[in-house]
Amino acid sequence: MLTRTHRPRFSGRGNRVRFHPPTRWHQNPLEGIRESFQSTIAIEKALGQNVQRALEMGNTWSDVGRALGVAKDAKSADDVIEGLAAARKDLWSGMFCA
Protein backbone atom coordinates (compact mmCIF):
# COMPACT_ATOMS: atom_id res chain seq x y z
CA MET A 1 0.00 0.00 0.00
CA LEU A 2 1.32 3.40 -0.96
CA THR A 3 1.20 6.22 1.53
CA ARG A 4 1.69 9.85 0.78
CA THR A 5 3.80 12.00 3.06
CA HIS A 6 2.88 15.65 3.01
CA ARG A 7 6.06 17.68 3.04
CA PRO A 8 6.79 21.34 2.62
CA ARG A 9 7.61 22.14 -0.99
CA PHE A 10 8.75 25.00 -3.14
CA SER A 11 7.68 25.92 -6.65
CA GLY A 12 8.78 28.51 -9.16
CA ARG A 13 12.20 29.88 -9.90
CA GLY A 14 14.31 32.98 -9.54
CA ASN A 15 12.54 35.80 -7.73
CA ARG A 16 9.19 33.99 -7.95
CA VAL A 17 9.76 31.05 -5.62
CA ARG A 18 6.74 30.16 -3.50
CA PHE A 19 6.54 28.03 -0.40
CA HIS A 20 3.71 25.55 0.05
CA PRO A 21 3.33 24.27 3.62
CA PRO A 22 1.58 20.97 4.31
CA THR A 23 -1.98 21.42 5.56
CA ARG A 24 -1.15 19.64 8.83
CA TRP A 25 0.85 22.69 9.88
CA HIS A 26 -2.43 24.56 10.29
CA GLN A 27 -3.46 22.00 12.90
CA ASN A 28 -0.06 21.85 14.65
CA PRO A 29 1.89 25.08 14.16
CA LEU A 30 4.69 23.97 16.52
CA GLU A 31 5.40 21.06 14.17
CA GLY A 32 5.48 23.60 11.37
CA ILE A 33 7.97 25.73 13.29
CA ARG A 34 10.28 22.75 13.85
CA GLU A 35 10.11 21.54 10.25
CA SER A 36 10.46 25.06 8.86
CA PHE A 37 13.58 25.63 10.92
CA GLN A 38 15.06 22.32 9.77
CA SER A 39 14.36 23.36 6.17
CA THR A 40 16.12 26.69 6.67
CA ILE A 41 19.22 24.87 7.93
CA ALA A 42 19.35 22.83 4.71
CA ILE A 43 18.92 25.98 2.62
CA GLU A 44 21.58 27.84 4.62
CA LYS A 45 24.01 24.95 3.99
CA ALA A 46 23.31 25.12 0.24
CA LEU A 47 23.83 28.89 0.33
CA GLY A 48 27.13 28.46 2.17
CA GLN A 49 28.34 25.90 -0.37
CA ASN A 50 27.53 28.28 -3.22
CA VAL A 51 29.30 31.16 -1.47
CA GLN A 52 32.36 28.94 -1.00
CA ARG A 53 32.34 27.99 -4.69
CA ALA A 54 31.97 31.64 -5.73
CA LEU A 55 34.97 32.62 -3.59
CA GLU A 56 37.02 29.71 -4.95
CA MET A 57 36.23 30.92 -8.48
CA GLY A 58 37.66 34.36 -7.71
CA ASN A 59 34.58 36.32 -6.66
CA THR A 60 35.00 38.75 -3.76
CA TRP A 61 32.98 39.26 -0.60
CA SER A 62 31.67 42.42 -2.25
CA ASP A 63 30.39 40.28 -5.16
CA VAL A 64 28.74 37.90 -2.69
CA GLY A 65 27.15 40.76 -0.73
CA ARG A 66 25.75 42.26 -3.94
CA ALA A 67 24.42 38.87 -5.11
CA LEU A 68 22.61 38.49 -1.79
CA GLY A 69 21.43 42.09 -1.84
CA VAL A 70 22.65 42.68 1.70
CA ALA A 71 26.10 44.28 1.60
CA LYS A 72 27.05 46.06 -1.62
CA ASP A 73 30.39 47.28 -0.28
CA ALA A 74 31.39 44.22 1.77
CA LYS A 75 35.09 43.84 2.41
CA SER A 76 34.95 40.62 4.44
CA ALA A 77 32.87 37.63 5.49
CA ASP A 78 31.87 39.57 8.62
CA ASP A 79 30.37 42.35 6.49
CA VAL A 80 28.22 39.85 4.58
CA ILE A 81 27.24 37.99 7.77
CA GLU A 82 26.22 41.28 9.41
CA GLY A 83 24.22 42.21 6.30
CA LEU A 84 22.44 38.85 6.35
CA ALA A 85 21.68 39.22 10.06
CA ALA A 86 20.29 42.72 9.53
CA ALA A 87 18.10 41.52 6.65
CA ARG A 88 16.77 38.64 8.77
CA LYS A 89 16.08 41.02 11.67
CA ASP A 90 14.20 43.41 9.37
CA LEU A 91 12.12 40.54 8.01
CA TRP A 92 11.19 39.21 11.46
CA SER A 93 10.58 42.70 12.87
CA GLY A 94 8.22 43.43 10.01
CA MET A 95 6.25 40.27 10.71
CA PHE A 96 6.00 40.45 14.49
CA CYS A 97 6.84 43.93 15.73
CA ALA A 98 4.65 46.06 13.51
PDB file of N, CA and C in Angstrom:
ATOM      1  N   MET A   1       0.837  -1.179   0.000  1.00  0.00           N
ATOM      2  CA  MET A   1       0.000   0.000   0.000  1.00  0.00           C
ATOM      3  C   MET A   1       0.881   1.239   0.000  1.00  0.00           C
ATOM      4  N   LEU A   2       0.575   2.152  -0.877  1.00  0.00           N
ATOM      5  CA  LEU A   2       1.323   3.396  -0.958  1.00  0.00           C
ATOM      6  C   LEU A   2       0.748   4.411   0.013  1.00  0.00           C
ATOM      7  N   THR A   3       1.636   5.113   0.673  1.00  0.00           N
ATOM      8  CA  THR A   3       1.201   6.216   1.531  1.00  0.00           C
ATOM      9  C   THR A   3       1.846   7.485   1.012  1.00  0.00           C
ATOM     10  N   ARG A   4       1.189   8.565   1.243  1.00  0.00           N
ATOM     11  CA  ARG A   4       1.692   9.852   0.781  1.00  0.00           C
ATOM     12  C   ARG A   4       2.083  10.687   1.987  1.00  0.00           C
ATOM     13  N   THR A   5       3.324  11.127   2.005  1.00  0.00           N
ATOM     14  CA  THR A   5       3.802  11.998   3.064  1.00  0.00           C
ATOM     15  C   THR A   5       3.683  13.438   2.591  1.00  0.00           C
ATOM     16  N   HIS A   6       3.029  14.245   3.362  1.00  0.00           N
ATOM     17  CA  HIS A   6       2.878  15.653   3.008  1.00  0.00           C
ATOM     18  C   HIS A   6       4.072  16.410   3.560  1.00  0.00           C
ATOM     19  N   ARG A   7       4.850  16.955   2.660  1.00  0.00           N
ATOM     20  CA  ARG A   7       6.057  17.678   3.039  1.00  0.00           C
ATOM     21  C   ARG A   7       5.969  19.108   2.530  1.00  0.00           C
ATOM     22  N   PRO A   8       6.722  19.981   3.163  1.00  0.00           N
ATOM     23  CA  PRO A   8       6.791  21.335   2.617  1.00  0.00           C
ATOM     24  C   PRO A   8       7.431  21.262   1.238  1.00  0.00           C
ATOM     25  N   ARG A   9       7.005  22.133   0.342  1.00  0.00           N
ATOM     26  CA  ARG A   9       7.605  22.143  -0.985  1.00  0.00           C
ATOM     27  C   ARG A   9       7.688  23.569  -1.515  1.00  0.00           C
ATOM     28  N   PHE A  10       8.544  23.722  -2.480  1.00  0.00           N
ATOM     29  CA  PHE A  10       8.746  25.002  -3.144  1.00  0.00           C
ATOM     30  C   PHE A  10       8.386  24.848  -4.605  1.00  0.00           C
ATOM     31  N   SER A  11       7.927  25.924  -5.214  1.00  0.00           N
ATOM     32  CA  SER A  11       7.684  25.921  -6.650  1.00  0.00           C
ATOM     33  C   SER A  11       8.143  27.256  -7.210  1.00  0.00           C
ATOM     34  N   GLY A  12       8.341  27.289  -8.503  1.00  0.00           N
ATOM     35  CA  GLY A  12       8.780  28.507  -9.159  1.00  0.00           C
ATOM     36  C   GLY A  12      10.283  28.549  -9.314  1.00  0.00           C
ATOM     37  N   ARG A  13      10.762  29.699  -9.723  1.00  0.00           N
ATOM     38  CA  ARG A  13      12.199  29.877  -9.902  1.00  0.00           C
ATOM     39  C   ARG A  13      12.543  31.347  -9.812  1.00  0.00           C
ATOM     40  N   GLY A  14      13.829  31.603  -9.608  1.00  0.00           N
ATOM     41  CA  GLY A  14      14.309  32.979  -9.537  1.00  0.00           C
ATOM     42  C   GLY A  14      13.651  33.755  -8.415  1.00  0.00           C
ATOM     43  N   ASN A  15      13.170  34.943  -8.735  1.00  0.00           N
ATOM     44  CA  ASN A  15      12.535  35.803  -7.733  1.00  0.00           C
ATOM     45  C   ASN A  15      11.092  35.417  -7.449  1.00  0.00           C
ATOM     46  N   ARG A  16      10.594  34.386  -8.093  1.00  0.00           N
ATOM     47  CA  ARG A  16       9.190  33.988  -7.945  1.00  0.00           C
ATOM     48  C   ARG A  16       9.044  32.608  -7.313  1.00  0.00           C
ATOM     49  N   VAL A  17       9.859  32.327  -6.326  1.00  0.00           N
ATOM     50  CA  VAL A  17       9.756  31.051  -5.619  1.00  0.00           C
ATOM     51  C   VAL A  17       8.677  31.172  -4.555  1.00  0.00           C
ATOM     52  N   ARG A  18       7.808  30.186  -4.502  1.00  0.00           N
ATOM     53  CA  ARG A  18       6.739  30.162  -3.500  1.00  0.00           C
ATOM     54  C   ARG A  18       6.891  28.947  -2.610  1.00  0.00           C
ATOM     55  N   PHE A  19       6.499  29.113  -1.377  1.00  0.00           N
ATOM     56  CA  PHE A  19       6.545  28.028  -0.401  1.00  0.00           C
ATOM     57  C   PHE A  19       5.133  27.497  -0.183  1.00  0.00           C
ATOM     58  N   HIS A  20       5.006  26.191  -0.157  1.00  0.00           N
ATOM     59  CA  HIS A  20       3.710  25.546   0.053  1.00  0.00           C
ATOM     60  C   HIS A  20       3.803  24.641   1.289  1.00  0.00           C
ATOM     61  N   PRO A  21       3.266  25.100   2.413  1.00  0.00           N
ATOM     62  CA  PRO A  21       3.329  24.266   3.619  1.00  0.00           C
ATOM     63  C   PRO A  21       2.300  23.142   3.560  1.00  0.00           C
ATOM     64  N   PRO A  22       2.592  22.027   4.222  1.00  0.00           N
ATOM     65  CA  PRO A  22       1.582  20.969   4.305  1.00  0.00           C
ATOM     66  C   PRO A  22       0.393  21.448   5.143  1.00  0.00           C
ATOM     67  N   THR A  23      -0.781  20.962   4.848  1.00  0.00           N
ATOM     68  CA  THR A  23      -1.977  21.421   5.558  1.00  0.00           C
ATOM     69  C   THR A  23      -1.938  21.059   7.037  1.00  0.00           C
ATOM     70  N   ARG A  24      -1.195  20.021   7.415  1.00  0.00           N
ATOM     71  CA  ARG A  24      -1.150  19.639   8.835  1.00  0.00           C
ATOM     72  C   ARG A  24      -0.521  20.724   9.700  1.00  0.00           C
ATOM     73  N   TRP A  25       0.257  21.612   9.104  1.00  0.00           N
ATOM     74  CA  TRP A  25       0.855  22.694   9.882  1.00  0.00           C
ATOM     75  C   TRP A  25      -0.201  23.632  10.436  1.00  0.00           C
ATOM     76  N   HIS A  26      -1.348  23.713   9.782  1.00  0.00           N
ATOM     77  CA  HIS A  26      -2.427  24.561  10.295  1.00  0.00           C
ATOM     78  C   HIS A  26      -2.998  23.976  11.585  1.00  0.00           C
ATOM     79  N   GLN A  27      -2.937  22.665  11.704  1.00  0.00           N
ATOM     80  CA  GLN A  27      -3.456  21.998  12.903  1.00  0.00           C
ATOM     81  C   GLN A  27      -2.413  21.945  14.012  1.00  0.00           C
ATOM     82  N   ASN A  28      -1.127  21.928  13.661  1.00  0.00           N
ATOM     83  CA  ASN A  28      -0.061  21.851  14.647  1.00  0.00           C
ATOM     84  C   ASN A  28       1.060  22.812  14.257  1.00  0.00           C
ATOM     85  N   PRO A  29       0.895  24.101  14.586  1.00  0.00           N
ATOM     86  CA  PRO A  29       1.887  25.083  14.162  1.00  0.00           C
ATOM     87  C   PRO A  29       3.271  24.855  14.770  1.00  0.00           C
ATOM     88  N   LEU A  30       3.366  24.223  15.941  1.00  0.00           N
ATOM     89  CA  LEU A  30       4.689  23.969  16.518  1.00  0.00           C
ATOM     90  C   LEU A  30       5.456  22.953  15.676  1.00  0.00           C
ATOM     91  N   GLU A  31       4.760  21.988  15.110  1.00  0.00           N
ATOM     92  CA  GLU A  31       5.400  21.060  14.173  1.00  0.00           C
ATOM     93  C   GLU A  31       5.887  21.827  12.956  1.00  0.00           C
ATOM     94  N   GLY A  32       5.085  22.759  12.490  1.00  0.00           N
ATOM     95  CA  GLY A  32       5.483  23.603  11.365  1.00  0.00           C
ATOM     96  C   GLY A  32       6.714  24.437  11.674  1.00  0.00           C
ATOM     97  N   ILE A  33       6.792  24.949  12.886  1.00  0.00           N
ATOM     98  CA  ILE A  33       7.971  25.729  13.295  1.00  0.00           C
ATOM     99  C   ILE A  33       9.212  24.851  13.229  1.00  0.00           C
ATOM    100  N   ARG A  34       9.131  23.657  13.812  1.00  0.00           N
ATOM    101  CA  ARG A  34      10.277  22.748  13.848  1.00  0.00           C
ATOM    102  C   ARG A  34      10.717  22.371  12.430  1.00  0.00           C
ATOM    103  N   GLU A  35       9.770  21.964  11.602  1.00  0.00           N
ATOM    104  CA  GLU A  35      10.113  21.542  10.249  1.00  0.00           C
ATOM    105  C   GLU A  35      10.589  22.717   9.393  1.00  0.00           C
ATOM    106  N   SER A  36      10.011  23.875   9.597  1.00  0.00           N
ATOM    107  CA  SER A  36      10.456  25.063   8.862  1.00  0.00           C
ATOM    108  C   SER A  36      11.900  25.389   9.205  1.00  0.00           C
ATOM    109  N   PHE A  37      12.218  25.329  10.490  1.00  0.00           N
ATOM    110  CA  PHE A  37      13.580  25.632  10.916  1.00  0.00           C
ATOM    111  C   PHE A  37      14.565  24.619  10.335  1.00  0.00           C
ATOM    112  N   GLN A  38      14.191  23.337  10.352  1.00  0.00           N
ATOM    113  CA  GLN A  38      15.057  22.317   9.769  1.00  0.00           C
ATOM    114  C   GLN A  38      15.272  22.574   8.278  1.00  0.00           C
ATOM    115  N   SER A  39      14.245  23.035   7.596  1.00  0.00           N
ATOM    116  CA  SER A  39      14.363  23.360   6.173  1.00  0.00           C
ATOM    117  C   SER A  39      15.305  24.539   5.959  1.00  0.00           C
ATOM    118  N   THR A  40      15.234  25.534   6.844  1.00  0.00           N
ATOM    119  CA  THR A  40      16.117  26.692   6.675  1.00  0.00           C
ATOM    120  C   THR A  40      17.577  26.295   6.863  1.00  0.00           C
ATOM    121  N   ILE A  41      17.837  25.325   7.739  1.00  0.00           N
ATOM    122  CA  ILE A  41      19.216  24.866   7.933  1.00  0.00           C
ATOM    123  C   ILE A  41      19.743  24.256   6.638  1.00  0.00           C
ATOM    124  N   ALA A  42      18.935  23.439   5.983  1.00  0.00           N
ATOM    125  CA  ALA A  42      19.354  22.833   4.714  1.00  0.00           C
ATOM    126  C   ALA A  42      19.610  23.908   3.658  1.00  0.00           C
ATOM    127  N   ILE A  43      18.754  24.902   3.605  1.00  0.00           N
ATOM    128  CA  ILE A  43      18.922  25.979   2.622  1.00  0.00           C
ATOM    129  C   ILE A  43      20.159  26.810   2.941  1.00  0.00           C
ATOM    130  N   GLU A  44      20.390  27.087   4.214  1.00  0.00           N
ATOM    131  CA  GLU A  44      21.584  27.840   4.616  1.00  0.00           C
ATOM    132  C   GLU A  44      22.855  27.081   4.234  1.00  0.00           C
ATOM    133  N   LYS A  45      22.847  25.754   4.391  1.00  0.00           N
ATOM    134  CA  LYS A  45      24.013  24.955   3.994  1.00  0.00           C
ATOM    135  C   LYS A  45      24.250  25.065   2.493  1.00  0.00           C
ATOM    136  N   ALA A  46      23.182  24.990   1.696  1.00  0.00           N
ATOM    137  CA  ALA A  46      23.313  25.121   0.244  1.00  0.00           C
ATOM    138  C   ALA A  46      23.851  26.508  -0.114  1.00  0.00           C
ATOM    139  N   LEU A  47      23.349  27.532   0.560  1.00  0.00           N
ATOM    140  CA  LEU A  47      23.826  28.889   0.329  1.00  0.00           C
ATOM    141  C   LEU A  47      25.317  28.981   0.642  1.00  0.00           C
ATOM    142  N   GLY A  48      25.718  28.434   1.771  1.00  0.00           N
ATOM    143  CA  GLY A  48      27.128  28.456   2.166  1.00  0.00           C
ATOM    144  C   GLY A  48      28.021  27.752   1.163  1.00  0.00           C
ATOM    145  N   GLN A  49      27.562  26.621   0.630  1.00  0.00           N
ATOM    146  CA  GLN A  49      28.341  25.899  -0.367  1.00  0.00           C
ATOM    147  C   GLN A  49      28.501  26.732  -1.637  1.00  0.00           C
ATOM    148  N   ASN A  50      27.450  27.436  -2.033  1.00  0.00           N
ATOM    149  CA  ASN A  50      27.535  28.281  -3.220  1.00  0.00           C
ATOM    150  C   ASN A  50      28.434  29.489  -2.994  1.00  0.00           C
ATOM    151  N   VAL A  51      28.394  30.051  -1.799  1.00  0.00           N
ATOM    152  CA  VAL A  51      29.301  31.160  -1.474  1.00  0.00           C
ATOM    153  C   VAL A  51      30.739  30.668  -1.549  1.00  0.00           C
ATOM    154  N   GLN A  52      31.008  29.503  -0.974  1.00  0.00           N
ATOM    155  CA  GLN A  52      32.363  28.943  -1.002  1.00  0.00           C
ATOM    156  C   GLN A  52      32.842  28.749  -2.434  1.00  0.00           C
ATOM    157  N   ARG A  53      31.980  28.195  -3.288  1.00  0.00           N
ATOM    158  CA  ARG A  53      32.341  27.991  -4.694  1.00  0.00           C
ATOM    159  C   ARG A  53      32.616  29.320  -5.388  1.00  0.00           C
ATOM    160  N   ALA A  54      31.772  30.317  -5.113  1.00  0.00           N
ATOM    161  CA  ALA A  54      31.969  31.638  -5.727  1.00  0.00           C
ATOM    162  C   ALA A  54      33.321  32.222  -5.334  1.00  0.00           C
ATOM    163  N   LEU A  55      33.677  32.096  -4.057  1.00  0.00           N
ATOM    164  CA  LEU A  55      34.967  32.616  -3.591  1.00  0.00           C
ATOM    165  C   LEU A  55      36.122  31.844  -4.222  1.00  0.00           C
ATOM    166  N   GLU A  56      35.970  30.528  -4.329  1.00  0.00           N
ATOM    167  CA  GLU A  56      37.023  29.707  -4.948  1.00  0.00           C
ATOM    168  C   GLU A  56      37.211  30.063  -6.418  1.00  0.00           C
ATOM    169  N   MET A  57      36.160  30.545  -7.060  1.00  0.00           N
ATOM    170  CA  MET A  57      36.228  30.918  -8.480  1.00  0.00           C
ATOM    171  C   MET A  57      36.698  32.360  -8.678  1.00  0.00           C
ATOM    172  N   GLY A  58      37.079  33.026  -7.590  1.00  0.00           N
ATOM    173  CA  GLY A  58      37.659  34.357  -7.708  1.00  0.00           C
ATOM    174  C   GLY A  58      36.730  35.514  -7.400  1.00  0.00           C
ATOM    175  N   ASN A  59      35.489  35.242  -7.046  1.00  0.00           N
ATOM    176  CA  ASN A  59      34.583  36.322  -6.656  1.00  0.00           C
ATOM    177  C   ASN A  59      35.003  36.859  -5.292  1.00  0.00           C
ATOM    178  N   THR A  60      34.633  38.099  -5.024  1.00  0.00           N
ATOM    179  CA  THR A  60      35.000  38.749  -3.761  1.00  0.00           C
ATOM    180  C   THR A  60      33.804  38.757  -2.809  1.00  0.00           C
ATOM    181  N   TRP A  61      34.077  39.122  -1.572  1.00  0.00           N
ATOM    182  CA  TRP A  61      32.980  39.264  -0.603  1.00  0.00           C
ATOM    183  C   TRP A  61      32.022  40.363  -1.044  1.00  0.00           C
ATOM    184  N   SER A  62      32.540  41.367  -1.712  1.00  0.00           N
ATOM    185  CA  SER A  62      31.665  42.418  -2.246  1.00  0.00           C
ATOM    186  C   SER A  62      30.724  41.837  -3.300  1.00  0.00           C
ATOM    187  N   ASP A  63      31.242  40.958  -4.166  1.00  0.00           N
ATOM    188  CA  ASP A  63      30.395  40.280  -5.155  1.00  0.00           C
ATOM    189  C   ASP A  63      29.309  39.458  -4.474  1.00  0.00           C
ATOM    190  N   VAL A  64      29.697  38.739  -3.424  1.00  0.00           N
ATOM    191  CA  VAL A  64      28.739  37.901  -2.686  1.00  0.00           C
ATOM    192  C   VAL A  64      27.678  38.773  -2.035  1.00  0.00           C
ATOM    193  N   GLY A  65      28.100  39.850  -1.383  1.00  0.00           N
ATOM    194  CA  GLY A  65      27.147  40.759  -0.732  1.00  0.00           C
ATOM    195  C   GLY A  65      26.160  41.348  -1.719  1.00  0.00           C
ATOM    196  N   ARG A  66      26.647  41.718  -2.905  1.00  0.00           N
ATOM    197  CA  ARG A  66      25.751  42.258  -3.941  1.00  0.00           C
ATOM    198  C   ARG A  66      24.787  41.189  -4.442  1.00  0.00           C
ATOM    199  N   ALA A  67      25.291  39.956  -4.643  1.00  0.00           N
ATOM    200  CA  ALA A  67      24.425  38.869  -5.113  1.00  0.00           C
ATOM    201  C   ALA A  67      23.302  38.595  -4.119  1.00  0.00           C
ATOM    202  N   LEU A  68      23.612  38.708  -2.835  1.00  0.00           N
ATOM    203  CA  LEU A  68      22.612  38.490  -1.791  1.00  0.00           C
ATOM    204  C   LEU A  68      21.723  39.715  -1.575  1.00  0.00           C
ATOM    205  N   GLY A  69      22.194  40.866  -2.032  1.00  0.00           N
ATOM    206  CA  GLY A  69      21.435  42.094  -1.837  1.00  0.00           C
ATOM    207  C   GLY A  69      21.494  42.616  -0.412  1.00  0.00           C
ATOM    208  N   VAL A  70      22.591  42.294   0.295  1.00  0.00           N
ATOM    209  CA  VAL A  70      22.653  42.684   1.703  1.00  0.00           C
ATOM    210  C   VAL A  70      23.859  43.548   2.060  1.00  0.00           C
ATOM    211  N   ALA A  71      24.897  43.528   1.247  1.00  0.00           N
ATOM    212  CA  ALA A  71      26.102  44.283   1.599  1.00  0.00           C
ATOM    213  C   ALA A  71      26.859  44.614   0.316  1.00  0.00           C
ATOM    214  N   LYS A  72      26.473  45.714  -0.312  1.00  0.00           N
ATOM    215  CA  LYS A  72      27.047  46.060  -1.617  1.00  0.00           C
ATOM    216  C   LYS A  72      28.524  46.409  -1.552  1.00  0.00           C
ATOM    217  N   ASP A  73      28.986  46.890  -0.404  1.00  0.00           N
ATOM    218  CA  ASP A  73      30.389  47.281  -0.275  1.00  0.00           C
ATOM    219  C   ASP A  73      31.133  46.415   0.739  1.00  0.00           C
ATOM    220  N   ALA A  74      30.769  45.140   0.816  1.00  0.00           N
ATOM    221  CA  ALA A  74      31.395  44.221   1.774  1.00  0.00           C
ATOM    222  C   ALA A  74      32.883  44.071   1.473  1.00  0.00           C
ATOM    223  N   LYS A  75      33.646  44.058   2.531  1.00  0.00           N
ATOM    224  CA  LYS A  75      35.087  43.841   2.407  1.00  0.00           C
ATOM    225  C   LYS A  75      35.496  42.476   2.982  1.00  0.00           C
ATOM    226  N   SER A  76      34.594  41.866   3.756  1.00  0.00           N
ATOM    227  CA  SER A  76      34.949  40.617   4.440  1.00  0.00           C
ATOM    228  C   SER A  76      33.706  39.762   4.661  1.00  0.00           C
ATOM    229  N   ALA A  77      33.968  38.539   5.127  1.00  0.00           N
ATOM    230  CA  ALA A  77      32.871  37.635   5.489  1.00  0.00           C
ATOM    231  C   ALA A  77      32.004  38.271   6.569  1.00  0.00           C
ATOM    232  N   ASP A  78      32.641  38.940   7.527  1.00  0.00           N
ATOM    233  CA  ASP A  78      31.872  39.568   8.617  1.00  0.00           C
ATOM    234  C   ASP A  78      30.884  40.598   8.083  1.00  0.00           C
ATOM    235  N   ASP A  79      31.281  41.355   7.065  1.00  0.00           N
ATOM    236  CA  ASP A  79      30.370  42.351   6.487  1.00  0.00           C
ATOM    237  C   ASP A  79      29.134  41.677   5.886  1.00  0.00           C
ATOM    238  N   VAL A  80      29.349  40.562   5.190  1.00  0.00           N
ATOM    239  CA  VAL A  80      28.225  39.846   4.584  1.00  0.00           C
ATOM    240  C   VAL A  80      27.360  39.208   5.672  1.00  0.00           C
ATOM    241  N   ILE A  81      27.991  38.615   6.674  1.00  0.00           N
ATOM    242  CA  ILE A  81      27.241  37.991   7.771  1.00  0.00           C
ATOM    243  C   ILE A  81      26.399  39.038   8.492  1.00  0.00           C
ATOM    244  N   GLU A  82      26.978  40.204   8.758  1.00  0.00           N
ATOM    245  CA  GLU A  82      26.221  41.276   9.410  1.00  0.00           C
ATOM    246  C   GLU A  82      25.064  41.744   8.530  1.00  0.00           C
ATOM    247  N   GLY A  83      25.291  41.832   7.221  1.00  0.00           N
ATOM    248  CA  GLY A  83      24.216  42.213   6.304  1.00  0.00           C
ATOM    249  C   GLY A  83      23.090  41.195   6.289  1.00  0.00           C
ATOM    250  N   LEU A  84      23.447  39.908   6.288  1.00  0.00           N
ATOM    251  CA  LEU A  84      22.435  38.851   6.350  1.00  0.00           C
ATOM    252  C   LEU A  84      21.646  38.921   7.649  1.00  0.00           C
ATOM    253  N   ALA A  85      22.355  39.131   8.760  1.00  0.00           N
ATOM    254  CA  ALA A  85      21.678  39.219  10.064  1.00  0.00           C
ATOM    255  C   ALA A  85      20.723  40.408  10.104  1.00  0.00           C
ATOM    256  N   ALA A  86      21.148  41.536   9.554  1.00  0.00           N
ATOM    257  CA  ALA A  86      20.286  42.723   9.535  1.00  0.00           C
ATOM    258  C   ALA A  86      19.051  42.486   8.664  1.00  0.00           C
ATOM    259  N   ALA A  87      19.244  41.815   7.524  1.00  0.00           N
ATOM    260  CA  ALA A  87      18.103  41.522   6.650  1.00  0.00           C
ATOM    261  C   ALA A  87      17.119  40.583   7.350  1.00  0.00           C
ATOM    262  N   ARG A  88      17.629  39.585   8.037  1.00  0.00           N
ATOM    263  CA  ARG A  88      16.769  38.642   8.769  1.00  0.00           C
ATOM    264  C   ARG A  88      16.026  39.375   9.889  1.00  0.00           C
ATOM    265  N   LYS A  89      16.722  40.257  10.601  1.00  0.00           N
ATOM    266  CA  LYS A  89      16.078  41.016  11.675  1.00  0.00           C
ATOM    267  C   LYS A  89      14.971  41.903  11.113  1.00  0.00           C
ATOM    268  N   ASP A  90      15.229  42.573   9.990  1.00  0.00           N
ATOM    269  CA  ASP A  90      14.203  43.414   9.366  1.00  0.00           C
ATOM    270  C   ASP A  90      12.984  42.582   8.973  1.00  0.00           C
ATOM    271  N   LEU A  91      13.222  41.416   8.412  1.00  0.00           N
ATOM    272  CA  LEU A  91      12.125  40.539   8.014  1.00  0.00           C
ATOM    273  C   LEU A  91      11.270  40.143   9.220  1.00  0.00           C
ATOM    274  N   TRP A  92      11.927  39.664  10.271  1.00  0.00           N
ATOM    275  CA  TRP A  92      11.195  39.214  11.462  1.00  0.00           C
ATOM    276  C   TRP A  92      10.524  40.388  12.170  1.00  0.00           C
ATOM    277  N   SER A  93      11.190  41.525  12.222  1.00  0.00           N
ATOM    278  CA  SER A  93      10.584  42.700  12.867  1.00  0.00           C
ATOM    279  C   SER A  93       9.334  43.130  12.117  1.00  0.00           C
ATOM    280  N   GLY A  94       9.395  43.072  10.803  1.00  0.00           N
ATOM    281  CA  GLY A  94       8.222  43.428  10.015  1.00  0.00           C
ATOM    282  C   GLY A  94       7.050  42.501  10.224  1.00  0.00           C
ATOM    283  N   MET A  95       7.330  41.238  10.513  1.00  0.00           N
ATOM    284  CA  MET A  95       6.253  40.266  10.715  1.00  0.00           C
ATOM    285  C   MET A  95       5.638  40.343  12.117  1.00  0.00           C
ATOM    286  N   PHE A  96       6.468  40.602  13.118  1.00  0.00           N
ATOM    287  CA  PHE A  96       5.998  40.455  14.489  1.00  0.00           C
ATOM    288  C   PHE A  96       6.019  41.716  15.339  1.00  0.00           C
ATOM    289  N   CYS A  97       6.693  42.735  14.895  1.00  0.00           N
ATOM    290  CA  CYS A  97       6.841  43.931  15.727  1.00  0.00           C
ATOM    291  C   CYS A  97       6.135  45.145  15.154  1.00  0.00           C
ATOM    292  N   ALA A  98       5.322  44.924  14.155  1.00  0.00           N
ATOM    293  CA  ALA A  98       4.654  46.063  13.510  1.00  0.00           C
ATOM    294  C   ALA A  98       3.464  46.540  14.318  1.00  0.00           C
TER     295      ALA A  98
END
